[in-house]
PDB file of N, CA and C in Angstrom:
ATOM      1  N   UNK A   1     128.323 163.700 115.478  1.00  0.00           N
ATOM      2  CA  UNK A   1     129.749 163.843 115.616  1.00  0.00           C
ATOM      3  C   UNK A   1     130.189 162.961 116.786  1.00  0.00           C
ATOM      4  N   UNK A   2     131.194 162.165 116.537  1.00  0.00           N
ATOM      5  CA  UNK A   2     131.685 161.289 117.589  1.00  0.00           C
ATOM      6  C   UNK A   2     132.497 162.103 118.593  1.00  0.00           C
ATOM      7  N   UNK A   3     132.676 161.523 119.762  1.00  0.00           N
ATOM      8  CA  UNK A   3     133.413 162.212 120.815  1.00  0.00           C
ATOM      9  C   UNK A   3     134.869 162.464 120.400  1.00  0.00           C
ATOM     10  N   UNK A   4     135.475 161.495 119.737  1.00  0.00           N
ATOM     11  CA  UNK A   4     136.863 161.671 119.296  1.00  0.00           C
ATOM     12  C   UNK A   4     136.990 162.830 118.317  1.00  0.00           C
ATOM     13  N   UNK A   5     136.051 162.922 117.409  1.00  0.00           N
ATOM     14  CA  UNK A   5     136.090 164.001 116.414  1.00  0.00           C
ATOM     15  C   UNK A   5     135.863 165.363 117.092  1.00  0.00           C
ATOM     16  N   UNK A   6     134.968 165.408 118.085  1.00  0.00           N
ATOM     17  CA  UNK A   6     134.702 166.652 118.808  1.00  0.00           C
ATOM     18  C   UNK A   6     135.942 167.113 119.564  1.00  0.00           C
ATOM     19  N   UNK A   7     136.630 166.171 120.195  1.00  0.00           N
ATOM     20  CA  UNK A   7     137.857 166.519 120.915  1.00  0.00           C
ATOM     21  C   UNK A   7     138.921 167.012 119.939  1.00  0.00           C
ATOM     22  N   UNK A   8     139.044 166.340 118.807  1.00  0.00           N
ATOM     23  CA  UNK A   8     140.038 166.694 117.799  1.00  0.00           C
ATOM     24  C   UNK A   8     139.840 168.121 117.294  1.00  0.00           C
ATOM     25  N   UNK A   9     138.603 168.548 117.133  1.00  0.00           N
ATOM     26  CA  UNK A   9     138.298 169.869 116.591  1.00  0.00           C
ATOM     27  C   UNK A   9     137.951 170.892 117.676  1.00  0.00           C
ATOM     28  N   UNK A  10     138.291 170.576 118.912  1.00  0.00           N
ATOM     29  CA  UNK A  10     138.066 171.467 120.053  1.00  0.00           C
ATOM     30  C   UNK A  10     136.610 171.903 120.207  1.00  0.00           C
ATOM     31  N   UNK A  11     135.690 170.997 119.973  1.00  0.00           N
ATOM     32  CA  UNK A  11     134.263 171.282 120.148  1.00  0.00           C
ATOM     33  C   UNK A  11     133.734 170.689 121.457  1.00  0.00           C
ATOM     34  N   UNK A  12     134.544 169.935 122.136  1.00  0.00           N
ATOM     35  CA  UNK A  12     134.124 169.304 123.383  1.00  0.00           C
ATOM     36  C   UNK A  12     134.181 170.334 124.502  1.00  0.00           C
ATOM     37  N   UNK A  13     133.051 170.571 125.164  1.00  0.00           N
ATOM     38  CA  UNK A  13     132.956 171.610 126.179  1.00  0.00           C
ATOM     39  C   UNK A  13     132.744 171.058 127.586  1.00  0.00           C
ATOM     40  N   UNK A  14     132.845 169.751 127.744  1.00  0.00           N
ATOM     41  CA  UNK A  14     132.652 169.180 129.075  1.00  0.00           C
ATOM     42  C   UNK A  14     133.776 169.613 129.986  1.00  0.00           C
ATOM     43  N   UNK A  15     133.421 169.892 131.223  1.00  0.00           N
ATOM     44  CA  UNK A  15     134.426 170.272 132.201  1.00  0.00           C
ATOM     45  C   UNK A  15     134.945 169.010 132.885  1.00  0.00           C
ATOM     46  N   UNK A  16     136.219 168.973 133.186  1.00  0.00           N
ATOM     47  CA  UNK A  16     136.747 167.799 133.900  1.00  0.00           C
ATOM     48  C   UNK A  16     136.189 167.737 135.319  1.00  0.00           C
ATOM     49  N   UNK A  17     136.075 166.525 135.844  1.00  0.00           N
ATOM     50  CA  UNK A  17     135.610 166.355 137.218  1.00  0.00           C
ATOM     51  C   UNK A  17     136.607 166.977 138.176  1.00  0.00           C
ATOM     52  N   UNK A  18     136.094 167.497 139.288  1.00  0.00           N
ATOM     53  CA  UNK A  18     136.947 168.129 140.289  1.00  0.00           C
ATOM     54  C   UNK A  18     136.769 167.422 141.619  1.00  0.00           C
ATOM     55  N   UNK A  19     137.748 167.569 142.466  1.00  0.00           N
ATOM     56  CA  UNK A  19     137.670 167.003 143.809  1.00  0.00           C
ATOM     57  C   UNK A  19     137.621 165.487 143.789  1.00  0.00           C
ATOM     58  N   UNK A  20     136.830 164.921 144.677  1.00  0.00           N
ATOM     59  CA  UNK A  20     136.768 163.465 144.793  1.00  0.00           C
ATOM     60  C   UNK A  20     136.124 162.816 143.577  1.00  0.00           C
ATOM     61  N   UNK A  21     135.341 163.574 142.829  1.00  0.00           N
ATOM     62  CA  UNK A  21     134.702 163.036 141.628  1.00  0.00           C
ATOM     63  C   UNK A  21     135.731 162.668 140.564  1.00  0.00           C
ATOM     64  N   UNK A  22     136.903 163.303 140.607  1.00  0.00           N
ATOM     65  CA  UNK A  22     137.928 163.064 139.604  1.00  0.00           C
ATOM     66  C   UNK A  22     138.506 161.656 139.700  1.00  0.00           C
ATOM     67  N   UNK A  23     138.599 161.101 140.895  1.00  0.00           N
ATOM     68  CA  UNK A  23     139.234 159.792 141.030  1.00  0.00           C
ATOM     69  C   UNK A  23     138.301 158.706 141.548  1.00  0.00           C
ATOM     70  N   UNK A  24     137.086 159.063 141.977  1.00  0.00           N
ATOM     71  CA  UNK A  24     136.155 158.066 142.501  1.00  0.00           C
ATOM     72  C   UNK A  24     134.806 158.194 141.801  1.00  0.00           C
ATOM     73  N   UNK A  25     134.517 157.310 140.850  1.00  0.00           N
ATOM     74  CA  UNK A  25     133.248 157.431 140.118  1.00  0.00           C
ATOM     75  C   UNK A  25     132.009 157.234 140.993  1.00  0.00           C
ATOM     76  N   UNK A  26     132.137 156.618 142.166  1.00  0.00           N
ATOM     77  CA  UNK A  26     130.957 156.439 143.017  1.00  0.00           C
ATOM     78  C   UNK A  26     130.531 157.742 143.671  1.00  0.00           C
ATOM     79  N   UNK A  27     131.397 158.768 143.628  1.00  0.00           N
ATOM     80  CA  UNK A  27     131.048 160.066 144.215  1.00  0.00           C
ATOM     81  C   UNK A  27     130.346 160.980 143.213  1.00  0.00           C
ATOM     82  N   UNK A  28     130.203 160.539 141.991  1.00  0.00           N
ATOM     83  CA  UNK A  28     129.568 161.375 140.977  1.00  0.00           C
ATOM     84  C   UNK A  28     128.050 161.313 141.120  1.00  0.00           C
ATOM     85  N   UNK A  29     127.337 161.980 140.213  1.00  0.00           N
ATOM     86  CA  UNK A  29     125.876 161.998 140.271  1.00  0.00           C
ATOM     87  C   UNK A  29     125.315 160.578 140.302  1.00  0.00           C
ATOM     88  N   UNK A  30     124.337 160.360 141.141  1.00  0.00           N
ATOM     89  CA  UNK A  30     123.684 159.061 141.324  1.00  0.00           C
ATOM     90  C   UNK A  30     124.681 158.017 141.787  1.00  0.00           C
ATOM     91  N   UNK A  31     125.696 158.424 142.531  1.00  0.00           N
ATOM     92  CA  UNK A  31     126.747 157.527 142.983  1.00  0.00           C
ATOM     93  C   UNK A  31     126.264 156.543 144.021  1.00  0.00           C
ATOM     94  N   UNK A  32     127.044 155.519 144.213  1.00  0.00           N
ATOM     95  CA  UNK A  32     126.674 154.452 145.128  1.00  0.00           C
ATOM     96  C   UNK A  32     127.369 154.518 146.465  1.00  0.00           C
ATOM     97  N   UNK A  33     128.182 155.543 146.713  1.00  0.00           N
ATOM     98  CA  UNK A  33     128.839 155.622 148.006  1.00  0.00           C
ATOM     99  C   UNK A  33     127.824 156.010 149.078  1.00  0.00           C
ATOM    100  N   UNK A  34     128.161 155.723 150.318  1.00  0.00           N
ATOM    101  CA  UNK A  34     127.213 155.917 151.426  1.00  0.00           C
ATOM    102  C   UNK A  34     126.785 157.370 151.581  1.00  0.00           C
ATOM    103  N   UNK A  35     127.705 158.278 151.418  1.00  0.00           N
ATOM    104  CA  UNK A  35     127.405 159.699 151.606  1.00  0.00           C
ATOM    105  C   UNK A  35     126.385 160.180 150.574  1.00  0.00           C
ATOM    106  N   UNK A  36     126.667 159.921 149.300  1.00  0.00           N
ATOM    107  CA  UNK A  36     125.771 160.365 148.234  1.00  0.00           C
ATOM    108  C   UNK A  36     124.407 159.696 148.335  1.00  0.00           C
ATOM    109  N   UNK A  37     124.428 158.414 148.642  1.00  0.00           N
ATOM    110  CA  UNK A  37     123.168 157.684 148.719  1.00  0.00           C
ATOM    111  C   UNK A  37     122.305 158.184 149.872  1.00  0.00           C
ATOM    112  N   UNK A  38     122.917 158.484 151.007  1.00  0.00           N
ATOM    113  CA  UNK A  38     122.126 158.981 152.136  1.00  0.00           C
ATOM    114  C   UNK A  38     121.583 160.375 151.842  1.00  0.00           C
ATOM    115  N   UNK A  39     122.369 161.204 151.141  1.00  0.00           N
ATOM    116  CA  UNK A  39     121.878 162.528 150.747  1.00  0.00           C
ATOM    117  C   UNK A  39     120.693 162.407 149.798  1.00  0.00           C
ATOM    118  N   UNK A  40     120.748 161.435 148.909  1.00  0.00           N
ATOM    119  CA  UNK A  40     119.726 161.287 147.893  1.00  0.00           C
ATOM    120  C   UNK A  40     118.449 160.665 148.446  1.00  0.00           C
ATOM    121  N   UNK A  41     118.571 159.817 149.446  1.00  0.00           N
ATOM    122  CA  UNK A  41     117.412 159.059 149.915  1.00  0.00           C
ATOM    123  C   UNK A  41     116.856 159.531 151.258  1.00  0.00           C
ATOM    124  N   UNK A  42     117.335 160.645 151.795  1.00  0.00           N
ATOM    125  CA  UNK A  42     116.887 161.081 153.122  1.00  0.00           C
ATOM    126  C   UNK A  42     115.394 161.409 153.140  1.00  0.00           C
ATOM    127  N   UNK A  43     114.891 162.006 152.071  1.00  0.00           N
ATOM    128  CA  UNK A  43     113.465 162.331 152.016  1.00  0.00           C
ATOM    129  C   UNK A  43     112.595 161.093 152.031  1.00  0.00           C
ATOM    130  N   UNK A  44     113.013 160.082 151.300  1.00  0.00           N
ATOM    131  CA  UNK A  44     112.270 158.827 151.256  1.00  0.00           C
ATOM    132  C   UNK A  44     112.275 158.156 152.625  1.00  0.00           C
ATOM    133  N   UNK A  45     113.420 158.153 153.293  1.00  0.00           N
ATOM    134  CA  UNK A  45     113.516 157.543 154.614  1.00  0.00           C
ATOM    135  C   UNK A  45     112.620 158.262 155.613  1.00  0.00           C
ATOM    136  N   UNK A  46     112.580 159.592 155.539  1.00  0.00           N
ATOM    137  CA  UNK A  46     111.728 160.356 156.454  1.00  0.00           C
ATOM    138  C   UNK A  46     110.252 160.067 156.192  1.00  0.00           C
ATOM    139  N   UNK A  47     109.855 160.001 154.913  1.00  0.00           N
ATOM    140  CA  UNK A  47     108.454 159.709 154.593  1.00  0.00           C
ATOM    141  C   UNK A  47     108.061 158.312 155.049  1.00  0.00           C
ATOM    142  N   UNK A  48     108.944 157.327 154.886  1.00  0.00           N
ATOM    143  CA  UNK A  48     108.654 155.969 155.334  1.00  0.00           C
ATOM    144  C   UNK A  48     108.509 155.904 156.850  1.00  0.00           C
ATOM    145  N   UNK A  49     109.389 156.594 157.564  1.00  0.00           N
ATOM    146  CA  UNK A  49     109.296 156.610 159.025  1.00  0.00           C
ATOM    147  C   UNK A  49     107.996 157.264 159.480  1.00  0.00           C
ATOM    148  N   UNK A  50     107.605 158.346 158.811  1.00  0.00           N
ATOM    149  CA  UNK A  50     106.362 159.021 159.158  1.00  0.00           C
ATOM    150  C   UNK A  50     105.156 158.119 158.884  1.00  0.00           C
ATOM    151  N   UNK A  51     105.190 157.409 157.770  1.00  0.00           N
ATOM    152  CA  UNK A  51     104.095 156.501 157.430  1.00  0.00           C
ATOM    153  C   UNK A  51     103.997 155.361 158.443  1.00  0.00           C
ATOM    154  N   UNK A  52     105.140 154.832 158.866  1.00  0.00           N
ATOM    155  CA  UNK A  52     105.128 153.760 159.862  1.00  0.00           C
ATOM    156  C   UNK A  52     104.568 154.252 161.192  1.00  0.00           C
ATOM    157  N   UNK A  53     104.933 155.479 161.592  1.00  0.00           N
ATOM    158  CA  UNK A  53     104.383 156.043 162.830  1.00  0.00           C
ATOM    159  C   UNK A  53     102.868 156.222 162.715  1.00  0.00           C
ATOM    160  N   UNK A  54     102.405 156.652 161.552  1.00  0.00           N
ATOM    161  CA  UNK A  54     100.968 156.845 161.360  1.00  0.00           C
ATOM    162  C   UNK A  54     100.224 155.517 161.447  1.00  0.00           C
ATOM    163  N   UNK A  55     100.807 154.482 160.874  1.00  0.00           N
ATOM    164  CA  UNK A  55     100.178 153.161 160.927  1.00  0.00           C
ATOM    165  C   UNK A  55     100.123 152.650 162.360  1.00  0.00           C
ATOM    166  N   UNK A  56     101.228 152.809 163.097  1.00  0.00           N
ATOM    167  CA  UNK A  56     101.247 152.370 164.498  1.00  0.00           C
ATOM    168  C   UNK A  56     100.218 153.136 165.321  1.00  0.00           C
ATOM    169  N   UNK A  57     100.117 154.437 165.084  1.00  0.00           N
ATOM    170  CA  UNK A  57      99.145 155.251 165.813  1.00  0.00           C
ATOM    171  C   UNK A  57      97.723 154.808 165.493  1.00  0.00           C
ATOM    172  N   UNK A  58      97.455 154.536 164.233  1.00  0.00           N
ATOM    173  CA  UNK A  58      96.129 154.074 163.836  1.00  0.00           C
ATOM    174  C   UNK A  58      95.804 152.747 164.501  1.00  0.00           C
ATOM    175  N   UNK A  59      96.772 151.823 164.498  1.00  0.00           N
ATOM    176  CA  UNK A  59      96.534 150.520 165.110  1.00  0.00           C
ATOM    177  C   UNK A  59      96.296 150.641 166.607  1.00  0.00           C
ATOM    178  N   UNK A  60      97.012 151.546 167.287  1.00  0.00           N
ATOM    179  CA  UNK A  60      96.795 151.748 168.721  1.00  0.00           C
ATOM    180  C   UNK A  60      95.383 152.260 168.985  1.00  0.00           C
ATOM    181  N   UNK A  61      94.939 153.228 168.195  1.00  0.00           N
ATOM    182  CA  UNK A  61      93.600 153.785 168.372  1.00  0.00           C
ATOM    183  C   UNK A  61      92.552 152.734 168.039  1.00  0.00           C
ATOM    184  N   UNK A  62      92.776 151.978 166.992  1.00  0.00           N
ATOM    185  CA  UNK A  62      91.821 150.953 166.567  1.00  0.00           C
ATOM    186  C   UNK A  62      91.734 149.840 167.613  1.00  0.00           C
ATOM    187  N   UNK A  63      92.885 149.410 168.152  1.00  0.00           N
ATOM    188  CA  UNK A  63      92.889 148.367 169.176  1.00  0.00           C
ATOM    189  C   UNK A  63      92.222 148.852 170.462  1.00  0.00           C
ATOM    190  N   UNK A  64      92.441 150.104 170.825  1.00  0.00           N
ATOM    191  CA  UNK A  64      91.837 150.665 172.027  1.00  0.00           C
ATOM    192  C   UNK A  64      90.323 150.739 171.891  1.00  0.00           C
ATOM    193  N   UNK A  65      89.832 151.067 170.696  1.00  0.00           N
ATOM    194  CA  UNK A  65      88.396 151.154 170.501  1.00  0.00           C
ATOM    195  C   UNK A  65      87.754 149.772 170.526  1.00  0.00           C
ATOM    196  N   UNK A  66      88.473 148.758 170.070  1.00  0.00           N
ATOM    197  CA  UNK A  66      87.933 147.389 170.120  1.00  0.00           C
ATOM    198  C   UNK A  66      87.877 146.877 171.562  1.00  0.00           C
ATOM    199  N   UNK A  67      88.872 147.242 172.380  1.00  0.00           N
ATOM    200  CA  UNK A  67      88.879 146.830 173.770  1.00  0.00           C
ATOM    201  C   UNK A  67      87.731 147.455 174.550  1.00  0.00           C
ATOM    202  N   UNK A  68      87.358 148.669 174.179  1.00  0.00           N
ATOM    203  CA  UNK A  68      86.257 149.352 174.867  1.00  0.00           C
ATOM    204  C   UNK A  68      84.895 148.929 174.355  1.00  0.00           C
ATOM    205  N   UNK A  69      84.859 148.115 173.330  1.00  0.00           N
ATOM    206  CA  UNK A  69      83.597 147.646 172.786  1.00  0.00           C
ATOM    207  C   UNK A  69      82.985 148.593 171.784  1.00  0.00           C
ATOM    208  N   UNK A  70      83.686 149.596 171.384  1.00  0.00           N
ATOM    209  CA  UNK A  70      83.211 150.555 170.394  1.00  0.00           C
ATOM    210  C   UNK A  70      83.686 150.115 169.011  1.00  0.00           C
ATOM    211  N   UNK A  71      83.049 149.129 168.476  1.00  0.00           N
ATOM    212  CA  UNK A  71      83.437 148.633 167.172  1.00  0.00           C
ATOM    213  C   UNK A  71      82.781 149.485 166.098  1.00  0.00           C
ATOM    214  N   UNK A  72      83.560 150.088 165.256  1.00  0.00           N
ATOM    215  CA  UNK A  72      83.034 151.024 164.249  1.00  0.00           C
ATOM    216  C   UNK A  72      82.363 150.302 163.091  1.00  0.00           C
ATOM    217  N   UNK A  73      82.576 149.011 162.967  1.00  0.00           N
ATOM    218  CA  UNK A  73      81.992 148.274 161.839  1.00  0.00           C
ATOM    219  C   UNK A  73      80.566 148.066 162.030  1.00  0.00           C
TER     220      UNK A  73
END
């Protein structure tokens, strides 16, 4: 059934957008505005920052062990 036919026969049950979603499509699901994007990607940013800290910590420990002559290889 096409969307036009569903609307004509009152079978369309979608709810209209409310609030800012009604006039700004970037605020809808998977939107491209800064607010939505930061909400969606905060977990990824935190994991990347944690991984970078882990790499830096590993390199510091590895460099310190090489300076002391304790080469693990």
